[in-house]
Amino acid sequence: MEDHGEETASDRRDLEAVYRTQAPQLARYFRFRFRGLEDPEDLVQDVFARLAAGRPLAELRDPEGYFKRILRNFLIDRHRKRRRQPVFTSMDGIEPGKEPDQAHAIEVEQMQELYRAAVDALPPRTREVFLLHRVEELSVKSIAGQLGISTRTVEWHIGEAILRIGKALNKG
């Protein structure tokens, strides 16, 4: 993905405006479509993480069309992942894979260090919410109840963490 430079206050306002108008409608859609199979707020966060990682909305001629394309691609990717079934084949006569080379191992280690540093650099509440969501795998609603904050605040913290971590990884 291209590096589009530093995020501006305008980019953040644009994204927040789209979030305010689209997130409730999108959550209702996911709630209807998946009926309790998955947390709609988590799915909304995943869609907005993709939107935030893309081009600034101000650069787009058709932001609504771009959002719909991201949503469409998200649903296609999700459907493909769910359709995949494990394939079991005989391993007789198959050579084991070659060990990753040292350069690859170093690259992975560096990326993990960047990720840990980015998570550590998050504001305390944002880090707490992010870790509860991604490590402890708590739902947005559970986190809100546990911390005594609204689900929208939890969603904001998760989105903020994803944005900041993504930027840190892109800089590294």
N, C-alpha and C. Protein backbone atom coordinates (compact mmCIF):
# COMPACT_ATOMS: atom_id res chain seq x y z
N MET A 1 0.85 -1.17 0.00
CA MET A 1 0.00 0.00 0.00
C MET A 1 0.89 1.23 0.00
N GLU A 2 0.48 2.25 -0.68
CA GLU A 2 1.27 3.47 -0.76
C GLU A 2 1.27 4.19 0.58
N ASP A 3 2.36 4.95 0.81
CA ASP A 3 2.42 5.79 2.00
C ASP A 3 1.85 7.14 1.60
N HIS A 4 0.82 7.56 2.23
CA HIS A 4 0.17 8.82 1.88
C HIS A 4 0.55 9.93 2.84
N GLY A 5 1.69 9.80 3.48
CA GLY A 5 2.16 10.88 4.34
C GLY A 5 1.46 10.87 5.68
N GLU A 6 1.71 11.92 6.42
CA GLU A 6 1.15 12.04 7.75
C GLU A 6 -0.36 12.28 7.69
N GLU A 7 -1.04 11.72 8.65
CA GLU A 7 -2.48 11.95 8.76
C GLU A 7 -2.69 13.38 9.25
N THR A 8 -3.63 14.07 8.63
CA THR A 8 -3.91 15.44 9.05
C THR A 8 -5.17 15.45 9.90
N ALA A 9 -5.38 16.59 10.56
CA ALA A 9 -6.60 16.74 11.36
C ALA A 9 -7.83 16.62 10.46
N SER A 10 -7.70 17.11 9.24
CA SER A 10 -8.80 17.03 8.28
C SER A 10 -9.11 15.57 7.94
N ASP A 11 -8.05 14.75 7.74
CA ASP A 11 -8.25 13.32 7.45
C ASP A 11 -9.02 12.66 8.59
N ARG A 12 -8.62 12.97 9.81
CA ARG A 12 -9.25 12.37 10.99
C ARG A 12 -10.71 12.80 11.08
N ARG A 13 -10.97 14.10 10.84
CA ARG A 13 -12.36 14.59 10.89
C ARG A 13 -13.20 13.91 9.81
N ASP A 14 -12.63 13.76 8.61
CA ASP A 14 -13.36 13.11 7.53
C ASP A 14 -13.72 11.67 7.91
N LEU A 15 -12.74 10.95 8.45
CA LEU A 15 -12.96 9.57 8.84
C LEU A 15 -13.98 9.48 9.98
N GLU A 16 -13.87 10.38 10.95
CA GLU A 16 -14.82 10.38 12.06
C GLU A 16 -16.23 10.70 11.57
N ALA A 17 -16.35 11.60 10.59
CA ALA A 17 -17.67 11.94 10.05
C ALA A 17 -18.29 10.73 9.35
N VAL A 18 -17.49 10.02 8.57
CA VAL A 18 -17.99 8.81 7.91
C VAL A 18 -18.37 7.77 8.95
N TYR A 19 -17.55 7.65 9.98
CA TYR A 19 -17.83 6.68 11.04
C TYR A 19 -19.16 7.00 11.72
N ARG A 20 -19.35 8.27 12.08
CA ARG A 20 -20.59 8.67 12.76
C ARG A 20 -21.82 8.38 11.91
N THR A 21 -21.72 8.60 10.61
CA THR A 21 -22.89 8.40 9.76
C THR A 21 -23.08 6.96 9.33
N GLN A 22 -21.99 6.24 9.11
CA GLN A 22 -22.09 4.90 8.53
C GLN A 22 -22.05 3.76 9.55
N ALA A 23 -21.33 3.93 10.66
CA ALA A 23 -21.14 2.82 11.61
C ALA A 23 -22.46 2.27 12.17
N PRO A 24 -23.39 3.11 12.62
CA PRO A 24 -24.64 2.55 13.16
C PRO A 24 -25.42 1.74 12.11
N GLN A 25 -25.48 2.27 10.89
CA GLN A 25 -26.18 1.58 9.81
C GLN A 25 -25.47 0.27 9.48
N LEU A 26 -24.14 0.31 9.43
CA LEU A 26 -23.36 -0.88 9.13
C LEU A 26 -23.52 -1.94 10.23
N ALA A 27 -23.53 -1.51 11.49
CA ALA A 27 -23.72 -2.44 12.61
C ALA A 27 -25.09 -3.11 12.52
N ARG A 28 -26.12 -2.33 12.18
CA ARG A 28 -27.47 -2.91 12.01
C ARG A 28 -27.46 -3.95 10.89
N TYR A 29 -26.78 -3.62 9.79
CA TYR A 29 -26.69 -4.55 8.66
C TYR A 29 -26.02 -5.85 9.10
N PHE A 30 -24.87 -5.74 9.79
CA PHE A 30 -24.15 -6.93 10.25
C PHE A 30 -24.98 -7.72 11.26
N ARG A 31 -25.68 -7.01 12.15
CA ARG A 31 -26.52 -7.66 13.14
C ARG A 31 -27.61 -8.49 12.45
N PHE A 32 -28.22 -7.93 11.41
CA PHE A 32 -29.26 -8.62 10.66
C PHE A 32 -28.67 -9.77 9.85
N ARG A 33 -27.57 -9.49 9.17
CA ARG A 33 -26.99 -10.47 8.26
C ARG A 33 -26.42 -11.68 8.98
N PHE A 34 -25.76 -11.47 10.13
CA PHE A 34 -25.06 -12.56 10.79
C PHE A 34 -25.74 -13.04 12.07
N ARG A 35 -26.81 -12.42 12.48
CA ARG A 35 -27.68 -12.83 13.59
C ARG A 35 -26.99 -13.57 14.73
N GLY A 36 -26.14 -12.86 15.42
CA GLY A 36 -25.52 -13.41 16.62
C GLY A 36 -24.31 -14.29 16.39
N LEU A 37 -23.97 -14.56 15.14
CA LEU A 37 -22.80 -15.40 14.88
C LEU A 37 -21.51 -14.67 15.21
N GLU A 38 -21.52 -13.36 14.99
CA GLU A 38 -20.33 -12.56 15.26
C GLU A 38 -20.76 -11.23 15.85
N ASP A 39 -19.84 -10.56 16.51
CA ASP A 39 -20.13 -9.26 17.11
C ASP A 39 -20.12 -8.20 16.00
N PRO A 40 -21.27 -7.57 15.73
CA PRO A 40 -21.34 -6.59 14.65
C PRO A 40 -20.36 -5.44 14.83
N GLU A 41 -20.14 -5.02 16.07
CA GLU A 41 -19.21 -3.91 16.31
C GLU A 41 -17.79 -4.28 15.91
N ASP A 42 -17.41 -5.55 16.12
CA ASP A 42 -16.09 -6.00 15.70
C ASP A 42 -15.96 -5.94 14.18
N LEU A 43 -17.01 -6.35 13.48
CA LEU A 43 -16.99 -6.31 12.02
C LEU A 43 -16.91 -4.87 11.52
N VAL A 44 -17.65 -3.97 12.16
CA VAL A 44 -17.60 -2.55 11.80
C VAL A 44 -16.17 -2.03 11.97
N GLN A 45 -15.53 -2.39 13.09
CA GLN A 45 -14.16 -1.94 13.33
C GLN A 45 -13.22 -2.44 12.24
N ASP A 46 -13.39 -3.69 11.82
CA ASP A 46 -12.54 -4.24 10.77
C ASP A 46 -12.70 -3.47 9.46
N VAL A 47 -13.95 -3.14 9.12
CA VAL A 47 -14.19 -2.37 7.90
C VAL A 47 -13.55 -0.99 8.00
N PHE A 48 -13.71 -0.33 9.15
CA PHE A 48 -13.15 1.02 9.29
C PHE A 48 -11.63 0.99 9.41
N ALA A 49 -11.07 -0.10 9.89
CA ALA A 49 -9.61 -0.22 9.90
C ALA A 49 -9.10 -0.24 8.47
N ARG A 50 -9.81 -0.94 7.59
CA ARG A 50 -9.42 -0.96 6.17
C ARG A 50 -9.56 0.44 5.56
N LEU A 51 -10.64 1.11 5.91
CA LEU A 51 -10.86 2.46 5.38
C LEU A 51 -9.76 3.40 5.86
N ALA A 52 -9.40 3.31 7.13
CA ALA A 52 -8.38 4.19 7.70
C ALA A 52 -7.01 3.91 7.11
N ALA A 53 -6.76 2.67 6.74
CA ALA A 53 -5.45 2.30 6.19
C ALA A 53 -5.30 2.74 4.73
N GLY A 54 -6.40 3.10 4.10
CA GLY A 54 -6.36 3.50 2.69
C GLY A 54 -6.03 4.97 2.50
N ARG A 55 -6.38 5.46 1.34
CA ARG A 55 -6.10 6.85 1.00
C ARG A 55 -6.96 7.79 1.83
N PRO A 56 -6.45 9.00 2.10
CA PRO A 56 -7.27 9.99 2.80
C PRO A 56 -8.56 10.26 2.01
N LEU A 57 -9.66 10.38 2.71
CA LEU A 57 -10.95 10.56 2.05
C LEU A 57 -11.00 11.81 1.19
N ALA A 58 -10.26 12.86 1.59
CA ALA A 58 -10.27 14.11 0.83
C ALA A 58 -9.69 13.93 -0.57
N GLU A 59 -8.85 12.90 -0.77
CA GLU A 59 -8.25 12.65 -2.07
C GLU A 59 -9.17 11.90 -3.01
N LEU A 60 -10.28 11.40 -2.50
CA LEU A 60 -11.16 10.56 -3.30
C LEU A 60 -12.23 11.38 -4.01
N ARG A 61 -12.52 10.99 -5.24
CA ARG A 61 -13.60 11.65 -5.97
C ARG A 61 -14.95 11.17 -5.48
N ASP A 62 -15.03 9.90 -5.08
CA ASP A 62 -16.29 9.32 -4.64
C ASP A 62 -16.08 8.55 -3.34
N PRO A 63 -15.99 9.26 -2.20
CA PRO A 63 -15.73 8.58 -0.92
C PRO A 63 -16.77 7.51 -0.58
N GLU A 64 -18.04 7.78 -0.90
CA GLU A 64 -19.08 6.80 -0.59
C GLU A 64 -18.88 5.52 -1.41
N GLY A 65 -18.53 5.69 -2.68
CA GLY A 65 -18.25 4.53 -3.52
C GLY A 65 -17.05 3.75 -3.03
N TYR A 66 -16.04 4.47 -2.57
CA TYR A 66 -14.83 3.84 -2.03
C TYR A 66 -15.19 3.03 -0.78
N PHE A 67 -15.99 3.63 0.09
CA PHE A 67 -16.44 2.94 1.30
C PHE A 67 -17.20 1.67 0.93
N LYS A 68 -18.10 1.77 -0.03
CA LYS A 68 -18.88 0.60 -0.44
C LYS A 68 -17.98 -0.49 -1.03
N ARG A 69 -16.95 -0.08 -1.77
CA ARG A 69 -16.02 -1.05 -2.34
C ARG A 69 -15.25 -1.76 -1.22
N ILE A 70 -14.82 -1.00 -0.21
CA ILE A 70 -14.12 -1.61 0.92
C ILE A 70 -15.05 -2.60 1.62
N LEU A 71 -16.29 -2.21 1.83
CA LEU A 71 -17.26 -3.09 2.47
C LEU A 71 -17.46 -4.36 1.63
N ARG A 72 -17.62 -4.19 0.33
CA ARG A 72 -17.82 -5.33 -0.56
C ARG A 72 -16.62 -6.28 -0.49
N ASN A 73 -15.41 -5.71 -0.58
CA ASN A 73 -14.20 -6.54 -0.52
C ASN A 73 -14.07 -7.23 0.83
N PHE A 74 -14.43 -6.53 1.90
CA PHE A 74 -14.39 -7.12 3.24
C PHE A 74 -15.32 -8.34 3.30
N LEU A 75 -16.54 -8.19 2.80
CA LEU A 75 -17.49 -9.30 2.84
C LEU A 75 -17.03 -10.46 1.97
N ILE A 76 -16.44 -10.16 0.82
CA ILE A 76 -15.91 -11.22 -0.05
C ILE A 76 -14.78 -11.95 0.66
N ASP A 77 -13.84 -11.20 1.23
CA ASP A 77 -12.71 -11.82 1.94
C ASP A 77 -13.21 -12.68 3.10
N ARG A 78 -14.17 -12.17 3.84
CA ARG A 78 -14.72 -12.89 4.98
C ARG A 78 -15.40 -14.18 4.52
N HIS A 79 -16.14 -14.08 3.42
CA HIS A 79 -16.83 -15.26 2.88
C HIS A 79 -15.81 -16.31 2.44
N ARG A 80 -14.76 -15.88 1.77
CA ARG A 80 -13.72 -16.81 1.32
C ARG A 80 -13.07 -17.52 2.50
N LYS A 81 -12.77 -16.77 3.56
CA LYS A 81 -12.14 -17.38 4.73
C LYS A 81 -13.05 -18.42 5.37
N ARG A 82 -14.34 -18.12 5.43
CA ARG A 82 -15.28 -19.05 6.07
C ARG A 82 -15.51 -20.29 5.22
N ARG A 83 -15.39 -20.15 3.90
CA ARG A 83 -15.62 -21.29 3.01
C ARG A 83 -14.46 -22.28 3.03
N ARG A 84 -13.29 -21.78 3.37
CA ARG A 84 -12.11 -22.66 3.35
C ARG A 84 -12.28 -23.76 4.39
N GLN A 85 -12.14 -24.95 3.93
CA GLN A 85 -12.16 -26.10 4.82
C GLN A 85 -10.75 -26.67 4.86
N PRO A 86 -10.35 -27.20 6.01
CA PRO A 86 -9.02 -27.81 6.04
C PRO A 86 -8.96 -28.97 5.05
N VAL A 87 -7.87 -29.05 4.35
CA VAL A 87 -7.68 -30.11 3.38
C VAL A 87 -6.66 -31.08 3.96
N PHE A 88 -7.05 -32.33 4.05
CA PHE A 88 -6.16 -33.35 4.59
C PHE A 88 -5.67 -34.21 3.43
N THR A 89 -4.37 -34.28 3.29
CA THR A 89 -3.79 -35.12 2.25
C THR A 89 -2.69 -35.96 2.88
N SER A 90 -2.34 -37.00 2.20
CA SER A 90 -1.27 -37.85 2.68
C SER A 90 0.05 -37.11 2.59
N MET A 91 0.87 -37.26 3.60
CA MET A 91 2.17 -36.60 3.63
C MET A 91 3.28 -37.52 3.15
N ASP A 92 2.92 -38.73 2.72
CA ASP A 92 3.93 -39.68 2.25
C ASP A 92 4.64 -39.13 1.03
N GLY A 93 5.94 -39.18 1.06
CA GLY A 93 6.73 -38.76 -0.09
C GLY A 93 6.90 -37.27 -0.22
N ILE A 94 6.42 -36.49 0.73
CA ILE A 94 6.56 -35.04 0.65
C ILE A 94 7.73 -34.62 1.53
N GLU A 95 8.63 -33.88 0.93
CA GLU A 95 9.79 -33.37 1.67
C GLU A 95 9.34 -32.26 2.61
N PRO A 96 9.88 -32.22 3.82
CA PRO A 96 9.54 -31.11 4.71
C PRO A 96 9.99 -29.78 4.11
N GLY A 97 9.27 -28.72 4.43
CA GLY A 97 9.62 -27.39 3.91
C GLY A 97 10.96 -26.93 4.43
N LYS A 98 11.56 -26.09 3.67
CA LYS A 98 12.87 -25.55 4.04
C LYS A 98 12.68 -24.54 5.17
N GLU A 99 13.61 -24.53 6.09
CA GLU A 99 13.57 -23.59 7.21
C GLU A 99 13.69 -22.16 6.68
N PRO A 100 13.01 -21.22 7.31
CA PRO A 100 13.16 -19.83 6.87
C PRO A 100 14.61 -19.39 7.04
N ASP A 101 15.07 -18.58 6.11
CA ASP A 101 16.45 -18.14 6.21
C ASP A 101 16.60 -17.10 7.32
N GLN A 102 17.84 -16.84 7.67
CA GLN A 102 18.13 -15.95 8.80
C GLN A 102 17.61 -14.54 8.55
N ALA A 103 17.70 -14.06 7.31
CA ALA A 103 17.23 -12.70 7.00
C ALA A 103 15.73 -12.58 7.27
N HIS A 104 14.98 -13.61 6.89
CA HIS A 104 13.53 -13.59 7.12
C HIS A 104 13.23 -13.60 8.62
N ALA A 105 13.96 -14.43 9.36
CA ALA A 105 13.76 -14.51 10.80
C ALA A 105 14.05 -13.16 11.46
N ILE A 106 15.09 -12.48 11.01
CA ILE A 106 15.44 -11.17 11.56
C ILE A 106 14.35 -10.16 11.23
N GLU A 107 13.85 -10.21 10.00
CA GLU A 107 12.79 -9.29 9.57
C GLU A 107 11.53 -9.48 10.42
N VAL A 108 11.17 -10.72 10.66
CA VAL A 108 10.00 -11.02 11.48
C VAL A 108 10.21 -10.50 12.90
N GLU A 109 11.39 -10.73 13.44
CA GLU A 109 11.70 -10.27 14.80
C GLU A 109 11.63 -8.74 14.88
N GLN A 110 12.15 -8.05 13.86
CA GLN A 110 12.10 -6.59 13.85
C GLN A 110 10.66 -6.09 13.78
N MET A 111 9.84 -6.74 12.97
CA MET A 111 8.44 -6.34 12.85
C MET A 111 7.72 -6.55 14.18
N GLN A 112 8.02 -7.65 14.86
CA GLN A 112 7.40 -7.90 16.16
C GLN A 112 7.83 -6.84 17.18
N GLU A 113 9.09 -6.43 17.13
CA GLU A 113 9.57 -5.39 18.03
C GLU A 113 8.87 -4.06 17.75
N LEU A 114 8.71 -3.73 16.45
CA LEU A 114 7.99 -2.51 16.08
C LEU A 114 6.55 -2.55 16.59
N TYR A 115 5.92 -3.70 16.44
CA TYR A 115 4.53 -3.86 16.88
C TYR A 115 4.43 -3.67 18.39
N ARG A 116 5.31 -4.36 19.14
CA ARG A 116 5.29 -4.23 20.60
C ARG A 116 5.53 -2.78 21.03
N ALA A 117 6.49 -2.12 20.37
CA ALA A 117 6.78 -0.72 20.71
C ALA A 117 5.57 0.16 20.41
N ALA A 118 4.90 -0.11 19.28
CA ALA A 118 3.72 0.69 18.91
C ALA A 118 2.60 0.49 19.93
N VAL A 119 2.39 -0.73 20.36
CA VAL A 119 1.36 -1.00 21.37
C VAL A 119 1.74 -0.33 22.69
N ASP A 120 3.01 -0.43 23.07
CA ASP A 120 3.47 0.20 24.32
C ASP A 120 3.33 1.72 24.27
N ALA A 121 3.44 2.31 23.08
CA ALA A 121 3.37 3.76 22.93
C ALA A 121 1.94 4.30 22.93
N LEU A 122 0.96 3.41 22.88
CA LEU A 122 -0.44 3.86 22.87
C LEU A 122 -0.76 4.53 24.21
N PRO A 123 -1.69 5.50 24.18
CA PRO A 123 -2.16 6.07 25.45
C PRO A 123 -2.71 4.93 26.32
N PRO A 124 -2.58 5.04 27.64
CA PRO A 124 -2.95 3.93 28.53
C PRO A 124 -4.34 3.34 28.30
N ARG A 125 -5.36 4.17 28.21
CA ARG A 125 -6.73 3.64 28.04
C ARG A 125 -6.88 2.98 26.67
N THR A 126 -6.30 3.59 25.64
CA THR A 126 -6.38 3.01 24.29
C THR A 126 -5.68 1.65 24.28
N ARG A 127 -4.51 1.57 24.91
CA ARG A 127 -3.77 0.30 24.97
C ARG A 127 -4.60 -0.75 25.72
N GLU A 128 -5.20 -0.35 26.84
CA GLU A 128 -5.99 -1.29 27.63
C GLU A 128 -7.16 -1.84 26.81
N VAL A 129 -7.89 -0.96 26.14
CA VAL A 129 -9.04 -1.39 25.34
C VAL A 129 -8.57 -2.29 24.20
N PHE A 130 -7.50 -1.88 23.52
CA PHE A 130 -6.99 -2.66 22.39
C PHE A 130 -6.58 -4.07 22.83
N LEU A 131 -5.85 -4.17 23.93
CA LEU A 131 -5.40 -5.48 24.41
C LEU A 131 -6.57 -6.35 24.87
N LEU A 132 -7.55 -5.75 25.51
CA LEU A 132 -8.73 -6.52 25.91
C LEU A 132 -9.44 -7.08 24.67
N HIS A 133 -9.48 -6.28 23.62
CA HIS A 133 -10.17 -6.70 22.40
C HIS A 133 -9.37 -7.73 21.60
N ARG A 134 -8.10 -7.43 21.36
CA ARG A 134 -7.30 -8.27 20.47
C ARG A 134 -6.60 -9.44 21.16
N VAL A 135 -6.20 -9.27 22.39
CA VAL A 135 -5.49 -10.35 23.08
C VAL A 135 -6.46 -11.20 23.89
N GLU A 136 -7.28 -10.54 24.70
CA GLU A 136 -8.25 -11.27 25.52
C GLU A 136 -9.48 -11.69 24.72
N GLU A 137 -9.62 -11.13 23.51
CA GLU A 137 -10.72 -11.44 22.59
C GLU A 137 -12.10 -11.14 23.18
N LEU A 138 -12.17 -10.05 23.97
CA LEU A 138 -13.46 -9.63 24.50
C LEU A 138 -14.21 -8.83 23.44
N SER A 139 -15.52 -8.90 23.45
CA SER A 139 -16.33 -8.13 22.51
C SER A 139 -16.35 -6.67 22.94
N VAL A 140 -16.75 -5.82 22.01
CA VAL A 140 -16.86 -4.39 22.29
C VAL A 140 -17.80 -4.17 23.47
N LYS A 141 -18.92 -4.88 23.46
CA LYS A 141 -19.91 -4.73 24.53
C LYS A 141 -19.34 -5.16 25.88
N SER A 142 -18.60 -6.25 25.90
CA SER A 142 -17.99 -6.73 27.15
C SER A 142 -16.98 -5.73 27.70
N ILE A 143 -16.18 -5.18 26.82
CA ILE A 143 -15.17 -4.21 27.24
C ILE A 143 -15.86 -2.97 27.82
N ALA A 144 -16.90 -2.52 27.13
CA ALA A 144 -17.64 -1.34 27.60
C ALA A 144 -18.18 -1.58 29.01
N GLY A 145 -18.77 -2.74 29.23
CA GLY A 145 -19.31 -3.07 30.54
C GLY A 145 -18.23 -3.17 31.60
N GLN A 146 -17.12 -3.80 31.25
CA GLN A 146 -16.03 -3.99 32.20
C GLN A 146 -15.39 -2.67 32.60
N LEU A 147 -15.23 -1.75 31.63
CA LEU A 147 -14.55 -0.49 31.91
C LEU A 147 -15.51 0.65 32.27
N GLY A 148 -16.81 0.40 32.13
CA GLY A 148 -17.78 1.44 32.45
C GLY A 148 -17.78 2.59 31.46
N ILE A 149 -17.56 2.27 30.18
CA ILE A 149 -17.58 3.29 29.13
C ILE A 149 -18.55 2.84 28.04
N SER A 150 -18.89 3.74 27.14
CA SER A 150 -19.84 3.40 26.09
C SER A 150 -19.19 2.52 25.02
N THR A 151 -20.03 1.81 24.27
CA THR A 151 -19.49 0.98 23.18
C THR A 151 -18.85 1.86 22.12
N ARG A 152 -19.39 3.05 21.89
CA ARG A 152 -18.77 3.96 20.91
C ARG A 152 -17.37 4.37 21.35
N THR A 153 -17.18 4.58 22.64
CA THR A 153 -15.85 4.94 23.15
C THR A 153 -14.90 3.76 22.97
N VAL A 154 -15.37 2.56 23.23
CA VAL A 154 -14.54 1.37 23.01
C VAL A 154 -14.16 1.29 21.54
N GLU A 155 -15.13 1.47 20.64
CA GLU A 155 -14.86 1.42 19.21
C GLU A 155 -13.84 2.47 18.81
N TRP A 156 -13.97 3.67 19.38
CA TRP A 156 -13.02 4.74 19.06
C TRP A 156 -11.61 4.33 19.48
N HIS A 157 -11.46 3.80 20.69
CA HIS A 157 -10.14 3.40 21.18
C HIS A 157 -9.53 2.30 20.30
N ILE A 158 -10.34 1.34 19.88
CA ILE A 158 -9.83 0.26 19.02
C ILE A 158 -9.38 0.85 17.69
N GLY A 159 -10.22 1.70 17.10
CA GLY A 159 -9.85 2.34 15.84
C GLY A 159 -8.59 3.18 15.96
N GLU A 160 -8.49 3.93 17.03
CA GLU A 160 -7.32 4.77 17.28
C GLU A 160 -6.06 3.90 17.41
N ALA A 161 -6.17 2.80 18.12
CA ALA A 161 -5.03 1.89 18.28
C ALA A 161 -4.59 1.33 16.93
N ILE A 162 -5.55 0.90 16.13
CA ILE A 162 -5.23 0.35 14.81
C ILE A 162 -4.54 1.39 13.95
N LEU A 163 -5.06 2.62 13.96
CA LEU A 163 -4.43 3.70 13.19
C LEU A 163 -2.99 3.94 13.63
N ARG A 164 -2.78 4.07 14.92
CA ARG A 164 -1.44 4.37 15.45
C ARG A 164 -0.47 3.23 15.21
N ILE A 165 -0.91 2.01 15.41
CA ILE A 165 -0.03 0.86 15.19
C ILE A 165 0.31 0.75 13.71
N GLY A 166 -0.69 0.94 12.85
CA GLY A 166 -0.44 0.90 11.41
C GLY A 166 0.59 1.92 10.97
N LYS A 167 0.48 3.13 11.49
CA LYS A 167 1.45 4.18 11.15
C LYS A 167 2.84 3.81 11.63
N ALA A 168 2.93 3.28 12.84
CA ALA A 168 4.24 2.90 13.39
C ALA A 168 4.88 1.80 12.55
N LEU A 169 4.09 0.84 12.11
CA LEU A 169 4.63 -0.24 11.30
C LEU A 169 5.04 0.25 9.92
N ASN A 170 4.28 1.19 9.36
CA ASN A 170 4.64 1.74 8.05
C ASN A 170 5.90 2.57 8.10
N LYS A 171 6.13 3.25 9.23
CA LYS A 171 7.35 4.06 9.38
C LYS A 171 8.58 3.18 9.53
N GLY A 172 8.39 2.03 10.19
CA GLY A 172 9.50 1.13 10.48
C GLY A 172 9.99 0.51 9.24
